[in-house]
PDB file of N, CA and C in Angstrom:
ATOM      1  N   MET A   1     151.004  80.849 134.973  1.00  0.00           N
ATOM      2  CA  MET A   1     151.170  79.410 134.835  1.00  0.00           C
ATOM      3  C   MET A   1     152.653  79.072 135.015  1.00  0.00           C
ATOM      4  N   THR A   2     152.911  77.859 135.442  1.00  0.00           N
ATOM      5  CA  THR A   2     154.276  77.381 135.641  1.00  0.00           C
ATOM      6  C   THR A   2     154.522  76.166 134.744  1.00  0.00           C
ATOM      7  N   THR A   3     155.767  75.726 134.683  1.00  0.00           N
ATOM      8  CA  THR A   3     156.060  74.501 133.926  1.00  0.00           C
ATOM      9  C   THR A   3     155.328  73.308 134.539  1.00  0.00           C
ATOM     10  N   ASP A   4     155.166  73.299 135.858  1.00  0.00           N
ATOM     11  CA  ASP A   4     154.411  72.211 136.493  1.00  0.00           C
ATOM     12  C   ASP A   4     152.940  72.243 136.071  1.00  0.00           C
ATOM     13  N   ASP A   5     152.368  73.447 135.957  1.00  0.00           N
ATOM     14  CA  ASP A   5     150.983  73.566 135.474  1.00  0.00           C
ATOM     15  C   ASP A   5     150.882  73.051 134.040  1.00  0.00           C
ATOM     16  N   PHE A   6     151.835  73.449 133.190  1.00  0.00           N
ATOM     17  CA  PHE A   6     151.850  73.010 131.794  1.00  0.00           C
ATOM     18  C   PHE A   6     151.907  71.490 131.736  1.00  0.00           C
ATOM     19  N   ARG A   7     152.823  70.900 132.508  1.00  0.00           N
ATOM     20  CA  ARG A   7     152.990  69.444 132.538  1.00  0.00           C
ATOM     21  C   ARG A   7     151.696  68.770 133.001  1.00  0.00           C
ATOM     22  N   ARG A   8     151.084  69.282 134.063  1.00  0.00           N
ATOM     23  CA  ARG A   8     149.858  68.706 134.610  1.00  0.00           C
ATOM     24  C   ARG A   8     148.751  68.695 133.551  1.00  0.00           C
ATOM     25  N   ILE A   9     148.579  69.818 132.871  1.00  0.00           N
ATOM     26  CA  ILE A   9     147.521  69.896 131.852  1.00  0.00           C
ATOM     27  C   ILE A   9     147.847  68.988 130.672  1.00  0.00           C
ATOM     28  N   ALA A  10     149.086  69.016 130.197  1.00  0.00           N
ATOM     29  CA  ALA A  10     149.465  68.181 129.045  1.00  0.00           C
ATOM     30  C   ALA A  10     149.267  66.699 129.333  1.00  0.00           C
ATOM     31  N   LEU A  11     149.527  66.287 130.564  1.00  0.00           N
ATOM     32  CA  LEU A  11     149.398  64.865 130.903  1.00  0.00           C
ATOM     33  C   LEU A  11     147.973  64.475 131.297  1.00  0.00           C
ATOM     34  N   SER A  12     147.058  65.443 131.328  1.00  0.00           N
ATOM     35  CA  SER A  12     145.676  65.143 131.711  1.00  0.00           C
ATOM     36  C   SER A  12     144.864  64.522 130.576  1.00  0.00           C
ATOM     37  N   PHE A  13     145.397  64.541 129.362  1.00  0.00           N
ATOM     38  CA  PHE A  13     144.659  64.011 128.216  1.00  0.00           C
ATOM     39  C   PHE A  13     144.846  62.499 128.109  1.00  0.00           C
ATOM     40  N   PRO A  14     143.794  61.780 127.700  1.00  0.00           N
ATOM     41  CA  PRO A  14     143.899  60.318 127.579  1.00  0.00           C
ATOM     42  C   PRO A  14     145.052  59.920 126.657  1.00  0.00           C
ATOM     43  N   GLY A  15     145.869  59.009 127.134  1.00  0.00           N
ATOM     44  CA  GLY A  15     146.963  58.479 126.333  1.00  0.00           C
ATOM     45  C   GLY A  15     148.178  59.378 126.237  1.00  0.00           C
ATOM     46  N   ALA A  16     148.150  60.565 126.841  1.00  0.00           N
ATOM     47  CA  ALA A  16     149.304  61.474 126.780  1.00  0.00           C
ATOM     48  C   ALA A  16     150.414  60.945 127.678  1.00  0.00           C
ATOM     49  N   ILE A  17     151.630  61.002 127.163  1.00  0.00           N
ATOM     50  CA  ILE A  17     152.789  60.579 127.938  1.00  0.00           C
ATOM     51  C   ILE A  17     153.869  61.653 127.864  1.00  0.00           C
ATOM     52  N   GLU A  18     154.730  61.658 128.865  1.00  0.00           N
ATOM     53  CA  GLU A  18     155.896  62.534 128.833  1.00  0.00           C
ATOM     54  C   GLU A  18     157.088  61.715 128.384  1.00  0.00           C
ATOM     55  N   SER A  19     157.861  62.272 127.505  1.00  0.00           N
ATOM     56  CA  SER A  19     159.060  61.633 126.983  1.00  0.00           C
ATOM     57  C   SER A  19     160.140  62.708 126.933  1.00  0.00           C
ATOM     58  N   ALA A  20     161.157  62.490 126.125  1.00  0.00           N
ATOM     59  CA  ALA A  20     162.214  63.489 125.975  1.00  0.00           C
ATOM     60  C   ALA A  20     162.633  63.553 124.520  1.00  0.00           C
ATOM     61  N   HIS A  21     162.987  64.752 124.105  1.00  0.00           N
ATOM     62  CA  HIS A  21     163.412  65.006 122.734  1.00  0.00           C
ATOM     63  C   HIS A  21     164.479  66.086 122.795  1.00  0.00           C
ATOM     64  N   MET A  22     165.636  65.813 122.250  1.00  0.00           N
ATOM     65  CA  MET A  22     166.728  66.781 122.239  1.00  0.00           C
ATOM     66  C   MET A  22     167.020  67.319 123.648  1.00  0.00           C
ATOM     67  N   ASN A  23     167.026  66.423 124.612  1.00  0.00           N
ATOM     68  CA  ASN A  23     167.363  66.723 126.007  1.00  0.00           C
ATOM     69  C   ASN A  23     166.369  67.644 126.711  1.00  0.00           C
ATOM     70  N   HIS A  24     165.113  67.645 126.297  1.00  0.00           N
ATOM     71  CA  HIS A  24     164.095  68.384 127.034  1.00  0.00           C
ATOM     72  C   HIS A  24     162.769  67.611 127.008  1.00  0.00           C
ATOM     73  N   PRO A  25     161.905  67.878 127.994  1.00  0.00           N
ATOM     74  CA  PRO A  25     160.641  67.148 128.067  1.00  0.00           C
ATOM     75  C   PRO A  25     159.737  67.435 126.873  1.00  0.00           C
ATOM     76  N   ASP A  26     159.072  66.384 126.420  1.00  0.00           N
ATOM     77  CA  ASP A  26     158.027  66.555 125.413  1.00  0.00           C
ATOM     78  C   ASP A  26     156.827  65.730 125.817  1.00  0.00           C
ATOM     79  N   PHE A  27     155.714  66.022 125.181  1.00  0.00           N
ATOM     80  CA  PHE A  27     154.458  65.353 125.496  1.00  0.00           C
ATOM     81  C   PHE A  27     153.914  64.791 124.199  1.00  0.00           C
ATOM     82  N   ARG A  28     153.517  63.516 124.243  1.00  0.00           N
ATOM     83  CA  ARG A  28     153.141  62.796 123.031  1.00  0.00           C
ATOM     84  C   ARG A  28     151.773  62.137 123.164  1.00  0.00           C
ATOM     85  N   ALA A  29     151.137  62.005 122.018  1.00  0.00           N
ATOM     86  CA  ALA A  29     149.896  61.245 121.883  1.00  0.00           C
ATOM     87  C   ALA A  29     150.016  60.457 120.591  1.00  0.00           C
ATOM     88  N   ASN A  30     149.672  59.181 120.658  1.00  0.00           N
ATOM     89  CA  ASN A  30     149.747  58.342 119.468  1.00  0.00           C
ATOM     90  C   ASN A  30     151.162  58.354 118.880  1.00  0.00           C
ATOM     91  N   GLY A  31     152.166  58.488 119.757  1.00  0.00           N
ATOM     92  CA  GLY A  31     153.559  58.493 119.320  1.00  0.00           C
ATOM     93  C   GLY A  31     154.038  59.804 118.718  1.00  0.00           C
ATOM     94  N   LYS A  32     153.157  60.836 118.660  1.00  0.00           N
ATOM     95  CA  LYS A  32     153.516  62.113 118.033  1.00  0.00           C
ATOM     96  C   LYS A  32     153.602  63.214 119.085  1.00  0.00           C
ATOM     97  N   ILE A  33     154.606  64.066 118.947  1.00  0.00           N
ATOM     98  CA  ILE A  33     154.786  65.185 119.862  1.00  0.00           C
ATOM     99  C   ILE A  33     153.686  66.218 119.628  1.00  0.00           C
ATOM    100  N   PHE A  34     153.046  66.652 120.724  1.00  0.00           N
ATOM    101  CA  PHE A  34     152.059  67.731 120.615  1.00  0.00           C
ATOM    102  C   PHE A  34     152.468  68.953 121.425  1.00  0.00           C
ATOM    103  N   ALA A  35     153.458  68.814 122.311  1.00  0.00           N
ATOM    104  CA  ALA A  35     153.920  69.952 123.104  1.00  0.00           C
ATOM    105  C   ALA A  35     155.300  69.638 123.670  1.00  0.00           C
ATOM    106  N   THR A  36     156.046  70.686 123.991  1.00  0.00           N
ATOM    107  CA  THR A  36     157.367  70.512 124.597  1.00  0.00           C
ATOM    108  C   THR A  36     157.619  71.609 125.630  1.00  0.00           C
ATOM    109  N   LEU A  37     158.583  71.335 126.478  1.00  0.00           N
ATOM    110  CA  LEU A  37     159.156  72.339 127.370  1.00  0.00           C
ATOM    111  C   LEU A  37     160.615  72.471 126.956  1.00  0.00           C
ATOM    112  N   PRO A  38     160.894  73.262 125.894  1.00  0.00           N
ATOM    113  CA  PRO A  38     162.233  73.306 125.310  1.00  0.00           C
ATOM    114  C   PRO A  38     163.320  73.755 126.272  1.00  0.00           C
ATOM    115  N   ASN A  39     163.014  74.693 127.137  1.00  0.00           N
ATOM    116  CA  ASN A  39     163.966  75.163 128.135  1.00  0.00           C
ATOM    117  C   ASN A  39     163.141  75.540 129.348  1.00  0.00           C
ATOM    118  N   PRO A  40     162.865  74.563 130.218  1.00  0.00           N
ATOM    119  CA  PRO A  40     161.936  74.807 131.312  1.00  0.00           C
ATOM    120  C   PRO A  40     162.271  76.029 132.169  1.00  0.00           C
ATOM    121  N   GLY A  41     163.511  76.448 132.195  1.00  0.00           N
ATOM    122  CA  GLY A  41     163.891  77.591 133.009  1.00  0.00           C
ATOM    123  C   GLY A  41     163.572  78.940 132.404  1.00  0.00           C
ATOM    124  N   ASN A  42     163.201  78.989 131.126  1.00  0.00           N
ATOM    125  CA  ASN A  42     162.982  80.300 130.488  1.00  0.00           C
ATOM    126  C   ASN A  42     161.528  80.767 130.516  1.00  0.00           C
ATOM    127  N   GLY A  43     160.632  79.975 131.099  1.00  0.00           N
ATOM    128  CA  GLY A  43     159.244  80.396 131.210  1.00  0.00           C
ATOM    129  C   GLY A  43     158.422  80.236 129.958  1.00  0.00           C
ATOM    130  N   CYS A  44     158.932  79.485 128.993  1.00  0.00           N
ATOM    131  CA  CYS A  44     158.197  79.262 127.741  1.00  0.00           C
ATOM    132  C   CYS A  44     158.005  77.775 127.507  1.00  0.00           C
ATOM    133  N   ALA A  45     156.975  77.469 126.750  1.00  0.00           N
ATOM    134  CA  ALA A  45     156.699  76.114 126.299  1.00  0.00           C
ATOM    135  C   ALA A  45     156.347  76.201 124.824  1.00  0.00           C
ATOM    136  N   MET A  46     156.056  75.056 124.210  1.00  0.00           N
ATOM    137  CA  MET A  46     155.691  75.028 122.802  1.00  0.00           C
ATOM    138  C   MET A  46     154.527  74.076 122.632  1.00  0.00           C
ATOM    139  N   VAL A  47     153.538  74.500 121.833  1.00  0.00           N
ATOM    140  CA  VAL A  47     152.451  73.617 121.411  1.00  0.00           C
ATOM    141  C   VAL A  47     152.483  73.546 119.894  1.00  0.00           C
ATOM    142  N   LYS A  48     152.164  72.385 119.376  1.00  0.00           N
ATOM    143  CA  LYS A  48     152.192  72.163 117.932  1.00  0.00           C
ATOM    144  C   LYS A  48     150.759  72.232 117.405  1.00  0.00           C
ATOM    145  N   LEU A  49     150.493  73.285 116.637  1.00  0.00           N
ATOM    146  CA  LEU A  49     149.162  73.523 116.089  1.00  0.00           C
ATOM    147  C   LEU A  49     149.233  73.648 114.575  1.00  0.00           C
ATOM    148  N   PRO A  50     148.153  73.358 113.866  1.00  0.00           N
ATOM    149  CA  PRO A  50     148.132  73.692 112.449  1.00  0.00           C
ATOM    150  C   PRO A  50     148.219  75.221 112.311  1.00  0.00           C
ATOM    151  N   PRO A  51     148.782  75.713 111.219  1.00  0.00           N
ATOM    152  CA  PRO A  51     148.966  77.157 111.064  1.00  0.00           C
ATOM    153  C   PRO A  51     147.705  77.996 111.271  1.00  0.00           C
ATOM    154  N   ASP A  52     146.535  77.523 110.838  1.00  0.00           N
ATOM    155  CA  ASP A  52     145.317  78.322 111.025  1.00  0.00           C
ATOM    156  C   ASP A  52     144.939  78.436 112.500  1.00  0.00           C
ATOM    157  N   GLN A  53     145.112  77.361 113.260  1.00  0.00           N
ATOM    158  CA  GLN A  53     144.833  77.414 114.693  1.00  0.00           C
ATOM    159  C   GLN A  53     145.872  78.283 115.401  1.00  0.00           C
ATOM    160  N   GLN A  54     147.124  78.160 114.993  1.00  0.00           N
ATOM    161  CA  GLN A  54     148.181  78.994 115.557  1.00  0.00           C
ATOM    162  C   GLN A  54     147.845  80.472 115.377  1.00  0.00           C
ATOM    163  N   GLU A  55     147.441  80.829 114.178  1.00  0.00           N
ATOM    164  CA  GLU A  55     147.107  82.221 113.872  1.00  0.00           C
ATOM    165  C   GLU A  55     145.986  82.730 114.779  1.00  0.00           C
ATOM    166  N   SER A  56     144.990  81.895 115.042  1.00  0.00           N
ATOM    167  CA  SER A  56     143.885  82.295 115.913  1.00  0.00           C
ATOM    168  C   SER A  56     144.379  82.603 117.321  1.00  0.00           C
ATOM    169  N   PHE A  57     145.221  81.739 117.880  1.00  0.00           N
ATOM    170  CA  PHE A  57     145.731  81.970 119.233  1.00  0.00           C
ATOM    171  C   PHE A  57     146.617  83.205 119.284  1.00  0.00           C
ATOM    172  N   VAL A  58     147.460  83.388 118.278  1.00  0.00           N
ATOM    173  CA  VAL A  58     148.342  84.556 118.244  1.00  0.00           C
ATOM    174  C   VAL A  58     147.520  85.838 118.157  1.00  0.00           C
ATOM    175  N   GLN A  59     146.476  85.837 117.358  1.00  0.00           N
ATOM    176  CA  GLN A  59     145.629  87.032 117.228  1.00  0.00           C
ATOM    177  C   GLN A  59     144.847  87.321 118.504  1.00  0.00           C
ATOM    178  N   LEU A  60     144.337  86.281 119.145  1.00  0.00           N
ATOM    179  CA  LEU A  60     143.531  86.471 120.356  1.00  0.00           C
ATOM    180  C   LEU A  60     144.371  86.837 121.575  1.00  0.00           C
ATOM    181  N   LYS A  61     145.562  86.246 121.707  1.00  0.00           N
ATOM    182  CA  LYS A  61     146.407  86.448 122.891  1.00  0.00           C
ATOM    183  C   LYS A  61     147.864  86.646 122.474  1.00  0.00           C
ATOM    184  N   PRO A  62     148.182  87.763 121.796  1.00  0.00           N
ATOM    185  CA  PRO A  62     149.547  87.956 121.290  1.00  0.00           C
ATOM    186  C   PRO A  62     150.618  88.058 122.377  1.00  0.00           C
ATOM    187  N   THR A  63     150.231  88.384 123.606  1.00  0.00           N
ATOM    188  CA  THR A  63     151.228  88.424 124.685  1.00  0.00           C
ATOM    189  C   THR A  63     151.563  87.034 125.196  1.00  0.00           C
ATOM    190  N   ALA A  64     150.709  86.059 124.922  1.00  0.00           N
ATOM    191  CA  ALA A  64     150.909  84.699 125.413  1.00  0.00           C
ATOM    192  C   ALA A  64     151.385  83.720 124.340  1.00  0.00           C
ATOM    193  N   PHE A  65     151.008  83.963 123.074  1.00  0.00           N
ATOM    194  CA  PHE A  65     151.323  83.030 121.995  1.00  0.00           C
ATOM    195  C   PHE A  65     152.089  83.739 120.884  1.00  0.00           C
ATOM    196  N   GLU A  66     153.063  83.020 120.323  1.00  0.00           N
ATOM    197  CA  GLU A  66     153.879  83.573 119.237  1.00  0.00           C
ATOM    198  C   GLU A  66     154.408  82.413 118.388  1.00  0.00           C
ATOM    199  N   PRO A  67     154.412  82.542 117.067  1.00  0.00           N
ATOM    200  CA  PRO A  67     155.009  81.478 116.252  1.00  0.00           C
ATOM    201  C   PRO A  67     156.505  81.347 116.556  1.00  0.00           C
ATOM    202  N   VAL A  68     156.989  80.128 116.575  1.00  0.00           N
ATOM    203  CA  VAL A  68     158.434  79.894 116.677  1.00  0.00           C
ATOM    204  C   VAL A  68     159.060  80.510 115.433  1.00  0.00           C
ATOM    205  N   LYS A  69     160.236  81.063 115.560  1.00  0.00           N
ATOM    206  CA  LYS A  69     160.913  81.681 114.410  1.00  0.00           C
ATOM    207  C   LYS A  69     161.239  80.624 113.347  1.00  0.00           C
ATOM    208  N   GLY A  70     161.172  81.023 112.089  1.00  0.00           N
ATOM    209  CA  GLY A  70     161.595  80.167 110.981  1.00  0.00           C
ATOM    210  C   GLY A  70     160.565  79.138 110.556  1.00  0.00           C
ATOM    211  N   GLY A  71     161.059  78.080 109.940  1.00  0.00           N
ATOM    212  CA  GLY A  71     160.222  77.048 109.329  1.00  0.00           C
ATOM    213  C   GLY A  71     159.344  76.298 110.311  1.00  0.00           C
ATOM    214  N   TRP A  72     159.858  76.018 111.504  1.00  0.00           N
ATOM    215  CA  TRP A  72     159.034  75.309 112.485  1.00  0.00           C
ATOM    216  C   TRP A  72     157.796  76.125 112.816  1.00  0.00           C
ATOM    217  N   GLY A  73     157.967  77.428 112.955  1.00  0.00           N
ATOM    218  CA  GLY A  73     156.832  78.297 113.249  1.00  0.00           C
ATOM    219  C   GLY A  73     155.826  78.339 112.120  1.00  0.00           C
ATOM    220  N   ARG A  74     156.321  78.358 110.881  1.00  0.00           N
ATOM    221  CA  ARG A  74     155.404  78.356 109.730  1.00  0.00           C
ATOM    222  C   ARG A  74     154.615  77.054 109.648  1.00  0.00           C
ATOM    223  N   GLN A  75     155.137  75.998 110.262  1.00  0.00           N
ATOM    224  CA  GLN A  75     154.437  74.712 110.279  1.00  0.00           C
ATOM    225  C   GLN A  75     153.542  74.557 111.505  1.00  0.00           C
ATOM    226  N   GLY A  76     153.490  75.582 112.362  1.00  0.00           N
ATOM    227  CA  GLY A  76     152.565  75.558 113.489  1.00  0.00           C
ATOM    228  C   GLY A  76     153.180  75.490 114.874  1.00  0.00           C
ATOM    229  N   ALA A  77     154.505  75.350 114.978  1.00  0.00           N
ATOM    230  CA  ALA A  77     155.133  75.343 116.301  1.00  0.00           C
ATOM    231  C   ALA A  77     154.910  76.723 116.933  1.00  0.00           C
ATOM    232  N   THR A  78     154.315  76.719 118.120  1.00  0.00           N
ATOM    233  CA  THR A  78     153.852  77.955 118.747  1.00  0.00           C
ATOM    234  C   THR A  78     154.430  78.098 120.146  1.00  0.00           C
ATOM    235  N   ILE A  79     155.122  79.207 120.393  1.00  0.00           N
ATOM    236  CA  ILE A  79     155.647  79.498 121.724  1.00  0.00           C
ATOM    237  C   ILE A  79     154.500  79.916 122.626  1.00  0.00           C
ATOM    238  N   VAL A  80     154.534  79.421 123.865  1.00  0.00           N
ATOM    239  CA  VAL A  80     153.575  79.833 124.890  1.00  0.00           C
ATOM    240  C   VAL A  80     154.383  80.465 126.018  1.00  0.00           C
ATOM    241  N   ARG A  81     154.101  81.736 126.306  1.00  0.00           N
ATOM    242  CA  ARG A  81     154.752  82.414 127.438  1.00  0.00           C
ATOM    243  C   ARG A  81     153.926  82.096 128.679  1.00  0.00           C
ATOM    244  N   LEU A  82     154.480  81.262 129.543  1.00  0.00           N
ATOM    245  CA  LEU A  82     153.724  80.753 130.677  1.00  0.00           C
ATOM    246  C   LEU A  82     153.305  81.847 131.655  1.00  0.00           C
ATOM    247  N   ASN A  83     154.111  82.894 131.786  1.00  0.00           N
ATOM    248  CA  ASN A  83     153.754  83.963 132.726  1.00  0.00           C
ATOM    249  C   ASN A  83     152.641  84.863 132.181  1.00  0.00           C
ATOM    250  N   ALA A  84     152.305  84.735 130.905  1.00  0.00           N
ATOM    251  CA  ALA A  84     151.297  85.593 130.284  1.00  0.00           C
ATOM    252  C   ALA A  84     150.014  84.853 129.903  1.00  0.00           C
ATOM    253  N   VAL A  85     150.040  83.528 129.963  1.00  0.00           N
ATOM    254  CA  VAL A  85     148.881  82.757 129.504  1.00  0.00           C
ATOM    255  C   VAL A  85     147.992  82.383 130.687  1.00  0.00           C
ATOM    256  N   LYS A  86     146.702  82.440 130.464  1.00  0.00           N
ATOM    257  CA  LYS A  86     145.722  81.986 131.454  1.00  0.00           C
ATOM    258  C   LYS A  86     145.447  80.504 131.219  1.00  0.00           C
ATOM    259  N   GLU A  87     145.022  79.818 132.278  1.00  0.00           N
ATOM    260  CA  GLU A  87     144.818  78.370 132.174  1.00  0.00           C
ATOM    261  C   GLU A  87     143.813  78.003 131.077  1.00  0.00           C
ATOM    262  N   GLU A  88     142.756  78.749 130.943  1.00  0.00           N
ATOM    263  CA  GLU A  88     141.742  78.432 129.936  1.00  0.00           C
ATOM    264  C   GLU A  88     142.337  78.458 128.522  1.00  0.00           C
ATOM    265  N   ALA A  89     143.132  79.480 128.213  1.00  0.00           N
ATOM    266  CA  ALA A  89     143.752  79.581 126.884  1.00  0.00           C
ATOM    267  C   ALA A  89     144.782  78.470 126.686  1.00  0.00           C
ATOM    268  N   LEU A  90     145.577  78.199 127.721  1.00  0.00           N
ATOM    269  CA  LEU A  90     146.574  77.129 127.614  1.00  0.00           C
ATOM    270  C   LEU A  90     145.893  75.788 127.415  1.00  0.00           C
ATOM    271  N   ARG A  91     144.859  75.531 128.190  1.00  0.00           N
ATOM    272  CA  ARG A  91     144.134  74.258 128.045  1.00  0.00           C
ATOM    273  C   ARG A  91     143.536  74.136 126.640  1.00  0.00           C
ATOM    274  N   GLY A  92     143.024  75.236 126.098  1.00  0.00           N
ATOM    275  CA  GLY A  92     142.475  75.211 124.743  1.00  0.00           C
ATOM    276  C   GLY A  92     143.523  74.873 123.704  1.00  0.00           C
ATOM    277  N   ALA A  93     144.687  75.501 123.807  1.00  0.00           N
ATOM    278  CA  ALA A  93     145.773  75.224 122.848  1.00  0.00           C
ATOM    279  C   ALA A  93     146.269  73.789 122.991  1.00  0.00           C
ATOM    280  N   LEU A  94     146.468  73.337 124.225  1.00  0.00           N
ATOM    281  CA  LEU A  94     146.935  71.965 124.436  1.00  0.00           C
ATOM    282  C   LEU A  94     145.890  70.950 123.975  1.00  0.00           C
ATOM    283  N   THR A  95     144.616  71.248 124.168  1.00  0.00           N
ATOM    284  CA  THR A  95     143.562  70.331 123.717  1.00  0.00           C
ATOM    285  C   THR A  95     143.621  70.152 122.202  1.00  0.00           C
ATOM    286  N   LEU A  96     143.720  71.252 121.471  1.00  0.00           N
ATOM    287  CA  LEU A  96     143.802  71.163 120.010  1.00  0.00           C
ATOM    288  C   LEU A  96     145.065  70.428 119.571  1.00  0.00           C
ATOM    289  N   ALA A  97     146.192  70.741 120.209  1.00  0.00           N
ATOM    290  CA  ALA A  97     147.450  70.077 119.848  1.00  0.00           C
ATOM    291  C   ALA A  97     147.347  68.574 120.110  1.00  0.00           C
ATOM    292  N   TRP A  98     146.783  68.203 121.264  1.00  0.00           N
ATOM    293  CA  TRP A  98     146.616  66.787 121.596  1.00  0.00           C
ATOM    294  C   TRP A  98     145.673  66.104 120.600  1.00  0.00           C
ATOM    295  N   GLN A  99     144.547  66.757 120.277  1.00  0.00           N
ATOM    296  CA  GLN A  99     143.601  66.174 119.321  1.00  0.00           C
ATOM    297  C   GLN A  99     144.256  65.934 117.972  1.00  0.00           C
ATOM    298  N   ASN A 100     145.032  66.896 117.503  1.00  0.00           N
ATOM    299  CA  ASN A 100     145.701  66.750 116.209  1.00  0.00           C
ATOM    300  C   ASN A 100     146.695  65.599 116.236  1.00  0.00           C
ATOM    301  N   ALA A 101     147.437  65.458 117.327  1.00  0.00           N
ATOM    302  CA  ALA A 101     148.417  64.375 117.432  1.00  0.00           C
ATOM    303  C   ALA A 101     147.736  63.027 117.606  1.00  0.00           C
ATOM    304  N   SER A 102     146.577  63.007 118.243  1.00  0.00           N
ATOM    305  CA  SER A 102     145.881  61.749 118.524  1.00  0.00           C
ATOM    306  C   SER A 102     145.245  61.120 117.299  1.00  0.00           C
ATOM    307  N   GLN A 103     144.986  61.930 116.280  1.00  0.00           N
ATOM    308  CA  GLN A 103     144.315  61.402 115.098  1.00  0.00           C
ATOM    309  C   GLN A 103     145.235  60.428 114.368  1.00  0.00           C
ATOM    310  N   LYS A 104     144.678  59.291 114.062  1.00  0.00           N
ATOM    311  CA  LYS A 104     145.439  58.303 113.294  1.00  0.00           C
ATOM    312  C   LYS A 104     145.292  58.626 111.818  1.00  0.00           C
ATOM    313  N   LYS A 105     146.401  58.581 111.111  1.00  0.00           N
ATOM    314  CA  LYS A 105     146.349  58.822 109.666  1.00  0.00           C
ATOM    315  C   LYS A 105     145.851  57.562 108.980  1.00  0.00           C
ATOM    316  N   PRO A 106     145.057  57.720 107.929  1.00  0.00           N
ATOM    317  CA  PRO A 106     144.587  56.538 107.196  1.00  0.00           C
ATOM    318  C   PRO A 106     145.760  55.825 106.537  1.00  0.00           C
ATOM    319  N   ARG A 107     145.645  54.524 106.492  1.00  0.00           N
ATOM    320  CA  ARG A 107     146.696  53.723 105.865  1.00  0.00           C
ATOM    321  C   ARG A 107     146.679  53.923 104.362  1.00  0.00           C
ATOM    322  N   LYS A 108     147.873  53.981 103.796  1.00  0.00           N
ATOM    323  CA  LYS A 108     147.983  54.076 102.340  1.00  0.00           C
ATOM    324  C   LYS A 108     147.795  52.699 101.742  1.00  0.00           C
ATOM    325  N   LYS A 109     147.122  52.654 100.613  1.00  0.00           N
ATOM    326  CA  LYS A 109     146.864  51.356  99.954  1.00  0.00           C
ATOM    327  C   LYS A 109     147.940  51.042  98.977  1.00  0.00           C
TER     328      LYS A 109
END
């Protein structure tokens, strides 16, 4: 997979937009970031998953998925090695990340 493939898949979801965060591309749904290309030249991307979903992807495809180091990783930020991931696995991770970002939180009373 390439950064262009990642971008194409991330933008294929309803309401997904590309924006920028800290001088690199990010992908948002409902105003929330669900994926980024932190350094497009290094062959990695990031998807934001809940920790349990992150753990599943890391266990199933450890050569393609890895938690980001530190606190962000413990919160679900997941590195995707584009040269090691197959489209089906990438689409699955991006779908979950997009779904999680798309959910509207209930209003507090």
